[in-house]
Amino acid sequence: MNKDIIAGNWQQLKGKAQSQWGKLTDDVFDVAEGNREYLSGKLQEQYGWTRERTEDEINAFERQFEKH
């Protein structure tokens, strides 16, 4: 999924992201506004994941919304 699509649809996707990554607060999602790098950093911080793991998680999340 194109990062511009995520940013453009952030309000609709935010709830799904919150369900997937429940350790992140509403404030984190509000500040993220679809910013992949910010989200990645917060996932690393809250879950203790490596950068590689967070990229895999975000990529998997994005694939859920790709049009076939």
PDB file of N, CA and C in Angstrom:
ATOM      1  N   MET A   1       0.844  -1.167   0.000  1.00  0.00           N
ATOM      2  CA  MET A   1       0.000   0.000   0.000  1.00  0.00           C
ATOM      3  C   MET A   1       0.895   1.236   0.000  1.00  0.00           C
ATOM      4  N   ASN A   2       0.527   2.182  -0.759  1.00  0.00           N
ATOM      5  CA  ASN A   2       1.257   3.430  -0.865  1.00  0.00           C
ATOM      6  C   ASN A   2       1.121   4.200   0.446  1.00  0.00           C
ATOM      7  N   LYS A   3       2.255   4.763   0.924  1.00  0.00           N
ATOM      8  CA  LYS A   3       2.206   5.476   2.210  1.00  0.00           C
ATOM      9  C   LYS A   3       1.259   6.665   2.170  1.00  0.00           C
ATOM     10  N   ASP A   4       1.048   7.264   0.998  1.00  0.00           N
ATOM     11  CA  ASP A   4       0.106   8.374   0.884  1.00  0.00           C
ATOM     12  C   ASP A   4      -1.326   7.901   1.107  1.00  0.00           C
ATOM     13  N   ILE A   5      -1.616   6.686   0.716  1.00  0.00           N
ATOM     14  CA  ILE A   5      -2.949   6.125   0.925  1.00  0.00           C
ATOM     15  C   ILE A   5      -3.196   5.931   2.417  1.00  0.00           C
ATOM     16  N   ILE A   6      -2.201   5.423   3.118  1.00  0.00           N
ATOM     17  CA  ILE A   6      -2.334   5.233   4.568  1.00  0.00           C
ATOM     18  C   ILE A   6      -2.559   6.584   5.231  1.00  0.00           C
ATOM     19  N   ALA A   7      -1.745   7.565   4.886  1.00  0.00           N
ATOM     20  CA  ALA A   7      -1.894   8.887   5.490  1.00  0.00           C
ATOM     21  C   ALA A   7      -3.264   9.480   5.152  1.00  0.00           C
ATOM     22  N   GLY A   8      -3.708   9.303   3.921  1.00  0.00           N
ATOM     23  CA  GLY A   8      -4.986   9.852   3.498  1.00  0.00           C
ATOM     24  C   GLY A   8      -6.181   9.176   4.134  1.00  0.00           C
ATOM     25  N   ASN A   9      -6.018   7.935   4.522  1.00  0.00           N
ATOM     26  CA  ASN A   9      -7.114   7.165   5.125  1.00  0.00           C
ATOM     27  C   ASN A   9      -6.875   6.897   6.606  1.00  0.00           C
ATOM     28  N   TRP A  10      -6.001   7.666   7.207  1.00  0.00           N
ATOM     29  CA  TRP A  10      -5.589   7.384   8.572  1.00  0.00           C
ATOM     30  C   TRP A  10      -6.757   7.327   9.541  1.00  0.00           C
ATOM     31  N   GLN A  11      -7.712   8.230   9.432  1.00  0.00           N
ATOM     32  CA  GLN A  11      -8.831   8.231  10.384  1.00  0.00           C
ATOM     33  C   GLN A  11      -9.607   6.919  10.322  1.00  0.00           C
ATOM     34  N   GLN A  12      -9.774   6.353   9.122  1.00  0.00           N
ATOM     35  CA  GLN A  12     -10.492   5.084   8.992  1.00  0.00           C
ATOM     36  C   GLN A  12      -9.634   3.909   9.475  1.00  0.00           C
ATOM     37  N   LEU A  13      -8.334   3.986   9.258  1.00  0.00           N
ATOM     38  CA  LEU A  13      -7.448   2.876   9.600  1.00  0.00           C
ATOM     39  C   LEU A  13      -7.007   2.901  11.061  1.00  0.00           C
ATOM     40  N   LYS A  14      -7.117   4.048  11.687  1.00  0.00           N
ATOM     41  CA  LYS A  14      -6.638   4.219  13.055  1.00  0.00           C
ATOM     42  C   LYS A  14      -7.268   3.217  14.016  1.00  0.00           C
ATOM     43  N   GLY A  15      -8.559   3.013  13.926  1.00  0.00           N
ATOM     44  CA  GLY A  15      -9.229   2.058  14.812  1.00  0.00           C
ATOM     45  C   GLY A  15      -8.716   0.648  14.633  1.00  0.00           C
ATOM     46  N   LYS A  16      -8.443   0.266  13.408  1.00  0.00           N
ATOM     47  CA  LYS A  16      -7.908  -1.075  13.143  1.00  0.00           C
ATOM     48  C   LYS A  16      -6.490  -1.203  13.683  1.00  0.00           C
ATOM     49  N   ALA A  17      -5.715  -0.132  13.535  1.00  0.00           N
ATOM     50  CA  ALA A  17      -4.354  -0.140  14.072  1.00  0.00           C
ATOM     51  C   ALA A  17      -4.386  -0.235  15.595  1.00  0.00           C
ATOM     52  N   GLN A  18      -5.319   0.475  16.225  1.00  0.00           N
ATOM     53  CA  GLN A  18      -5.443   0.420  17.680  1.00  0.00           C
ATOM     54  C   GLN A  18      -5.802  -0.983  18.145  1.00  0.00           C
ATOM     55  N   SER A  19      -6.636  -1.669  17.389  1.00  0.00           N
ATOM     56  CA  SER A  19      -7.000  -3.044  17.741  1.00  0.00           C
ATOM     57  C   SER A  19      -5.795  -3.970  17.633  1.00  0.00           C
ATOM     58  N   GLN A  20      -4.989  -3.747  16.612  1.00  0.00           N
ATOM     59  CA  GLN A  20      -3.839  -4.618  16.374  1.00  0.00           C
ATOM     60  C   GLN A  20      -2.718  -4.372  17.378  1.00  0.00           C
ATOM     61  N   TRP A  21      -2.471  -3.121  17.702  1.00  0.00           N
ATOM     62  CA  TRP A  21      -1.377  -2.767  18.598  1.00  0.00           C
ATOM     63  C   TRP A  21      -1.927  -2.056  19.824  1.00  0.00           C
ATOM     64  N   GLY A  22      -2.583  -2.803  20.678  1.00  0.00           N
ATOM     65  CA  GLY A  22      -3.292  -2.258  21.829  1.00  0.00           C
ATOM     66  C   GLY A  22      -2.437  -1.573  22.883  1.00  0.00           C
ATOM     67  N   LYS A  23      -1.134  -1.823  22.884  1.00  0.00           N
ATOM     68  CA  LYS A  23      -0.281  -1.163  23.869  1.00  0.00           C
ATOM     69  C   LYS A  23      -0.073   0.312  23.545  1.00  0.00           C
ATOM     70  N   LEU A  24      -0.353   0.699  22.306  1.00  0.00           N
ATOM     71  CA  LEU A  24      -0.178   2.097  21.915  1.00  0.00           C
ATOM     72  C   LEU A  24      -1.427   2.882  22.305  1.00  0.00           C
ATOM     73  N   THR A  25      -1.228   4.078  22.788  1.00  0.00           N
ATOM     74  CA  THR A  25      -2.342   4.903  23.256  1.00  0.00           C
ATOM     75  C   THR A  25      -3.002   5.672  22.112  1.00  0.00           C
ATOM     76  N   ASP A  26      -4.178   6.198  22.400  1.00  0.00           N
ATOM     77  CA  ASP A  26      -4.865   7.059  21.428  1.00  0.00           C
ATOM     78  C   ASP A  26      -3.978   8.228  21.028  1.00  0.00           C
ATOM     79  N   ASP A  27      -3.252   8.775  22.002  1.00  0.00           N
ATOM     80  CA  ASP A  27      -2.375   9.911  21.716  1.00  0.00           C
ATOM     81  C   ASP A  27      -1.317   9.553  20.686  1.00  0.00           C
ATOM     82  N   VAL A  28      -0.763   8.363  20.782  1.00  0.00           N
ATOM     83  CA  VAL A  28       0.249   7.930  19.808  1.00  0.00           C
ATOM     84  C   VAL A  28      -0.351   7.908  18.411  1.00  0.00           C
ATOM     85  N   PHE A  29      -1.552   7.362  18.292  1.00  0.00           N
ATOM     86  CA  PHE A  29      -2.183   7.283  16.976  1.00  0.00           C
ATOM     87  C   PHE A  29      -2.571   8.665  16.459  1.00  0.00           C
ATOM     88  N   ASP A  30      -2.975   9.547  17.362  1.00  0.00           N
ATOM     89  CA  ASP A  30      -3.312  10.912  16.951  1.00  0.00           C
ATOM     90  C   ASP A  30      -2.079  11.644  16.427  1.00  0.00           C
ATOM     91  N   VAL A  31      -0.956  11.481  17.109  1.00  0.00           N
ATOM     92  CA  VAL A  31       0.278  12.133  16.680  1.00  0.00           C
ATOM     93  C   VAL A  31       0.812  11.486  15.403  1.00  0.00           C
ATOM     94  N   ALA A  32       0.675  10.175  15.291  1.00  0.00           N
ATOM     95  CA  ALA A  32       1.209   9.457  14.123  1.00  0.00           C
ATOM     96  C   ALA A  32       0.610   9.966  12.821  1.00  0.00           C
ATOM     97  N   GLU A  33      -0.705  10.185  12.800  1.00  0.00           N
ATOM     98  CA  GLU A  33      -1.385  10.673  11.586  1.00  0.00           C
ATOM     99  C   GLU A  33      -0.926   9.938  10.329  1.00  0.00           C
ATOM    100  N   GLY A  34      -0.684   8.639  10.451  1.00  0.00           N
ATOM    101  CA  GLY A  34      -0.275   7.850   9.292  1.00  0.00           C
ATOM    102  C   GLY A  34       1.214   7.873   9.021  1.00  0.00           C
ATOM    103  N   ASN A  35       2.003   8.515   9.893  1.00  0.00           N
ATOM    104  CA  ASN A  35       3.452   8.588   9.725  1.00  0.00           C
ATOM    105  C   ASN A  35       4.070   7.250  10.110  1.00  0.00           C
ATOM    106  N   ARG A  36       4.517   6.534   9.114  1.00  0.00           N
ATOM    107  CA  ARG A  36       5.041   5.184   9.286  1.00  0.00           C
ATOM    108  C   ARG A  36       6.262   5.152  10.212  1.00  0.00           C
ATOM    109  N   GLU A  37       7.169   6.083  10.064  1.00  0.00           N
ATOM    110  CA  GLU A  37       8.387   6.071  10.869  1.00  0.00           C
ATOM    111  C   GLU A  37       8.092   6.338  12.341  1.00  0.00           C
ATOM    112  N   TYR A  38       7.179   7.258  12.608  1.00  0.00           N
ATOM    113  CA  TYR A  38       6.784   7.536  13.986  1.00  0.00           C
ATOM    114  C   TYR A  38       6.126   6.294  14.599  1.00  0.00           C
ATOM    115  N   LEU A  39       5.220   5.701  13.855  1.00  0.00           N
ATOM    116  CA  LEU A  39       4.537   4.495  14.329  1.00  0.00           C
ATOM    117  C   LEU A  39       5.541   3.375  14.595  1.00  0.00           C
ATOM    118  N   SER A  40       6.485   3.208  13.692  1.00  0.00           N
ATOM    119  CA  SER A  40       7.519   2.189  13.851  1.00  0.00           C
ATOM    120  C   SER A  40       8.307   2.410  15.140  1.00  0.00           C
ATOM    121  N   GLY A  41       8.699   3.644  15.390  1.00  0.00           N
ATOM    122  CA  GLY A  41       9.447   3.949  16.610  1.00  0.00           C
ATOM    123  C   GLY A  41       8.648   3.660  17.867  1.00  0.00           C
ATOM    124  N   LYS A  42       7.369   3.981  17.848  1.00  0.00           N
ATOM    125  CA  LYS A  42       6.525   3.727  19.015  1.00  0.00           C
ATOM    126  C   LYS A  42       6.305   2.231  19.227  1.00  0.00           C
ATOM    127  N   LEU A  43       6.187   1.480  18.140  1.00  0.00           N
ATOM    128  CA  LEU A  43       6.055   0.027  18.276  1.00  0.00           C
ATOM    129  C   LEU A  43       7.326  -0.571  18.878  1.00  0.00           C
ATOM    130  N   GLN A  44       8.473  -0.088  18.431  1.00  0.00           N
ATOM    131  CA  GLN A  44       9.739  -0.562  18.990  1.00  0.00           C
ATOM    132  C   GLN A  44       9.807  -0.261  20.489  1.00  0.00           C
ATOM    133  N   GLU A  45       9.414   0.943  20.840  1.00  0.00           N
ATOM    134  CA  GLU A  45       9.465   1.392  22.229  1.00  0.00           C
ATOM    135  C   GLU A  45       8.524   0.589  23.132  1.00  0.00           C
ATOM    136  N   GLN A  46       7.278   0.406  22.701  1.00  0.00           N
ATOM    137  CA  GLN A  46       6.273  -0.251  23.546  1.00  0.00           C
ATOM    138  C   GLN A  46       6.382  -1.773  23.569  1.00  0.00           C
ATOM    139  N   TYR A  47       6.765  -2.360  22.437  1.00  0.00           N
ATOM    140  CA  TYR A  47       6.804  -3.817  22.361  1.00  0.00           C
ATOM    141  C   TYR A  47       8.219  -4.396  22.474  1.00  0.00           C
ATOM    142  N   GLY A  48       9.233  -3.537  22.391  1.00  0.00           N
ATOM    143  CA  GLY A  48      10.608  -4.027  22.470  1.00  0.00           C
ATOM    144  C   GLY A  48      11.054  -4.756  21.214  1.00  0.00           C
ATOM    145  N   TRP A  49      10.380  -4.483  20.112  1.00  0.00           N
ATOM    146  CA  TRP A  49      10.710  -5.137  18.841  1.00  0.00           C
ATOM    147  C   TRP A  49      11.880  -4.451  18.163  1.00  0.00           C
ATOM    148  N   THR A  50      12.543  -5.197  17.288  1.00  0.00           N
ATOM    149  CA  THR A  50      13.585  -4.617  16.454  1.00  0.00           C
ATOM    150  C   THR A  50      12.932  -3.796  15.349  1.00  0.00           C
ATOM    151  N   ARG A  51      13.721  -2.952  14.707  1.00  0.00           N
ATOM    152  CA  ARG A  51      13.216  -2.159  13.588  1.00  0.00           C
ATOM    153  C   ARG A  51      12.697  -3.080  12.483  1.00  0.00           C
ATOM    154  N   GLU A  52      13.418  -4.174  12.261  1.00  0.00           N
ATOM    155  CA  GLU A  52      13.005  -5.144  11.234  1.00  0.00           C
ATOM    156  C   GLU A  52      11.632  -5.733  11.564  1.00  0.00           C
ATOM    157  N   ARG A  53      11.423  -6.089  12.812  1.00  0.00           N
ATOM    158  CA  ARG A  53      10.134  -6.656  13.234  1.00  0.00           C
ATOM    159  C   ARG A  53       9.014  -5.639  13.056  1.00  0.00           C
ATOM    160  N   THR A  54       9.262  -4.380  13.436  1.00  0.00           N
ATOM    161  CA  THR A  54       8.211  -3.379  13.294  1.00  0.00           C
ATOM    162  C   THR A  54       7.874  -3.146  11.828  1.00  0.00           C
ATOM    163  N   GLU A  55       8.878  -3.169  10.966  1.00  0.00           N
ATOM    164  CA  GLU A  55       8.618  -3.019   9.533  1.00  0.00           C
ATOM    165  C   GLU A  55       7.756  -4.177   9.023  1.00  0.00           C
ATOM    166  N   ASP A  56       8.072  -5.386   9.470  1.00  0.00           N
ATOM    167  CA  ASP A  56       7.263  -6.552   9.085  1.00  0.00           C
ATOM    168  C   ASP A  56       5.826  -6.396   9.570  1.00  0.00           C
ATOM    169  N   GLU A  57       5.646  -5.941  10.796  1.00  0.00           N
ATOM    170  CA  GLU A  57       4.305  -5.740  11.364  1.00  0.00           C
ATOM    171  C   GLU A  57       3.515  -4.695  10.567  1.00  0.00           C
ATOM    172  N   ILE A  58       4.156  -3.578  10.274  1.00  0.00           N
ATOM    173  CA  ILE A  58       3.476  -2.506   9.540  1.00  0.00           C
ATOM    174  C   ILE A  58       3.170  -2.951   8.110  1.00  0.00           C
ATOM    175  N   ASN A  59       4.110  -3.658   7.482  1.00  0.00           N
ATOM    176  CA  ASN A  59       3.860  -4.170   6.129  1.00  0.00           C
ATOM    177  C   ASN A  59       2.671  -5.128   6.112  1.00  0.00           C
ATOM    178  N   ALA A  60       2.602  -6.008   7.106  1.00  0.00           N
ATOM    179  CA  ALA A  60       1.478  -6.948   7.195  1.00  0.00           C
ATOM    180  C   ALA A  60       0.165  -6.191   7.396  1.00  0.00           C
ATOM    181  N   PHE A  61       0.195  -5.158   8.221  1.00  0.00           N
ATOM    182  CA  PHE A  61      -0.995  -4.337   8.453  1.00  0.00           C
ATOM    183  C   PHE A  61      -1.437  -3.684   7.145  1.00  0.00           C
ATOM    184  N   GLU A  62      -0.502  -3.118   6.417  1.00  0.00           N
ATOM    185  CA  GLU A  62      -0.822  -2.455   5.146  1.00  0.00           C
ATOM    186  C   GLU A  62      -1.407  -3.433   4.131  1.00  0.00           C
ATOM    187  N   ARG A  63      -0.859  -4.641   4.089  1.00  0.00           N
ATOM    188  CA  ARG A  63      -1.341  -5.637   3.111  1.00  0.00           C
ATOM    189  C   ARG A  63      -2.808  -5.987   3.323  1.00  0.00           C
ATOM    190  N   GLN A  64      -3.304  -5.831   4.534  1.00  0.00           N
ATOM    191  CA  GLN A  64      -4.710  -6.119   4.810  1.00  0.00           C
ATOM    192  C   GLN A  64      -5.646  -5.212   4.004  1.00  0.00           C
ATOM    193  N   PHE A  65      -5.146  -4.063   3.585  1.00  0.00           N
ATOM    194  CA  PHE A  65      -5.992  -3.066   2.936  1.00  0.00           C
ATOM    195  C   PHE A  65      -5.676  -2.852   1.473  1.00  0.00           C
ATOM    196  N   GLU A  66      -4.759  -3.654   0.919  1.00  0.00           N
ATOM    197  CA  GLU A  66      -4.452  -3.538  -0.498  1.00  0.00           C
ATOM    198  C   GLU A  66      -5.632  -4.020  -1.318  1.00  0.00           C
ATOM    199  N   LYS A  67      -5.874  -3.342  -2.392  1.00  0.00           N
ATOM    200  CA  LYS A  67      -6.944  -3.762  -3.313  1.00  0.00           C
ATOM    201  C   LYS A  67      -6.392  -4.839  -4.226  1.00  0.00           C
ATOM    202  N   HIS A  68      -7.164  -5.859  -4.420  1.00  0.00           N
ATOM    203  CA  HIS A  68      -6.713  -6.984  -5.257  1.00  0.00           C
ATOM    204  C   HIS A  68      -7.163  -6.783  -6.665  1.00  0.00           C
TER     205      HIS A  68
END
